């Protein structure tokens, strides 16, 4: 399974930006993190299954993983 393309994090506002701007930035970051986690979940699950199968096959064939 190919690794999904994730969304880049938004740029940080300037330190002198208003509280509203920082609040919007935090909301955008949280939204992007949630979407990236949702995209990445099936890939991570497939990777764990792949590793588990690889380990079981190596046990059967007599090789230590």
Protein backbone atom coordinates (compact mmCIF):
# COMPACT_ATOMS: atom_id res chain seq x y z
CA UNK A 1 0.00 0.00 0.00
CA UNK A 2 1.35 3.40 -0.99
CA UNK A 3 1.77 6.05 1.71
CA UNK A 4 -0.94 8.72 1.36
CA UNK A 5 -0.03 12.31 0.54
CA UNK A 6 -0.60 14.39 3.65
CA UNK A 7 -1.68 18.02 3.90
CA UNK A 8 1.04 20.49 4.89
CA UNK A 9 0.69 22.42 8.12
CA UNK A 10 -0.32 26.09 7.78
CA UNK A 11 2.31 28.78 8.32
CA UNK A 12 2.51 30.29 11.78
CA UNK A 13 1.27 33.86 12.15
CA UNK A 14 3.62 36.58 13.33
CA UNK A 15 4.21 36.88 17.05
CA UNK A 16 2.53 40.30 17.02
CA UNK A 17 -0.69 38.90 15.48
CA UNK A 18 -3.98 39.34 17.32
CA UNK A 19 -5.55 36.67 19.51
CA UNK A 20 -8.21 36.00 16.83
CA UNK A 21 -5.53 35.16 14.27
CA UNK A 22 -3.83 32.75 16.68
CA UNK A 23 -7.16 31.11 17.49
CA UNK A 24 -7.92 30.59 13.79
CA UNK A 25 -4.39 29.22 13.29
CA UNK A 26 -4.86 26.69 16.11
CA UNK A 27 -8.20 25.61 14.62
CA UNK A 28 -6.63 25.13 11.18
CA UNK A 29 -3.75 23.12 12.64
CA UNK A 30 -6.15 20.86 14.54
CA UNK A 31 -8.26 20.39 11.39
CA UNK A 32 -5.21 19.47 9.29
CA UNK A 33 -3.96 17.05 11.97
CA UNK A 34 -7.37 15.34 12.12
CA UNK A 35 -7.57 15.00 8.33
CA UNK A 36 -4.00 13.68 8.12
CA UNK A 37 -4.67 11.16 10.88
CA UNK A 38 -7.78 9.97 9.05
CA UNK A 39 -5.81 9.59 5.80
CA UNK A 40 -2.93 7.82 7.52
CA UNK A 41 -4.95 5.34 9.62
CA UNK A 42 -5.59 2.70 6.88
CA UNK A 43 -1.93 2.88 5.81
CA UNK A 44 -0.65 2.33 9.35
CA UNK A 45 -3.06 -0.57 9.86
CA UNK A 46 -1.89 -2.19 6.61
CA UNK A 47 1.76 -1.71 7.64
CA UNK A 48 1.18 -3.41 10.99
CA UNK A 49 -0.54 -6.36 9.28
CA UNK A 50 2.32 -6.57 6.77
CA UNK A 51 4.91 -6.67 9.59
CA UNK A 52 2.92 -9.30 11.49
CA UNK A 53 2.68 -11.53 8.40
CA UNK A 54 6.38 -11.07 7.67
CA UNK A 55 7.23 -12.12 11.25
CA UNK A 56 4.96 -15.19 11.07
CA UNK A 57 6.44 -16.29 7.74
CA UNK A 58 9.96 -15.95 9.09
CA UNK A 59 9.02 -18.05 12.14
CA UNK A 60 7.59 -20.76 9.89
CA UNK A 61 10.62 -20.80 7.63
CA UNK A 62 12.93 -21.02 10.66
CA UNK A 63 14.52 -17.61 10.34
CA UNK A 64 14.43 -15.20 13.26
CA UNK A 65 13.08 -11.76 12.38
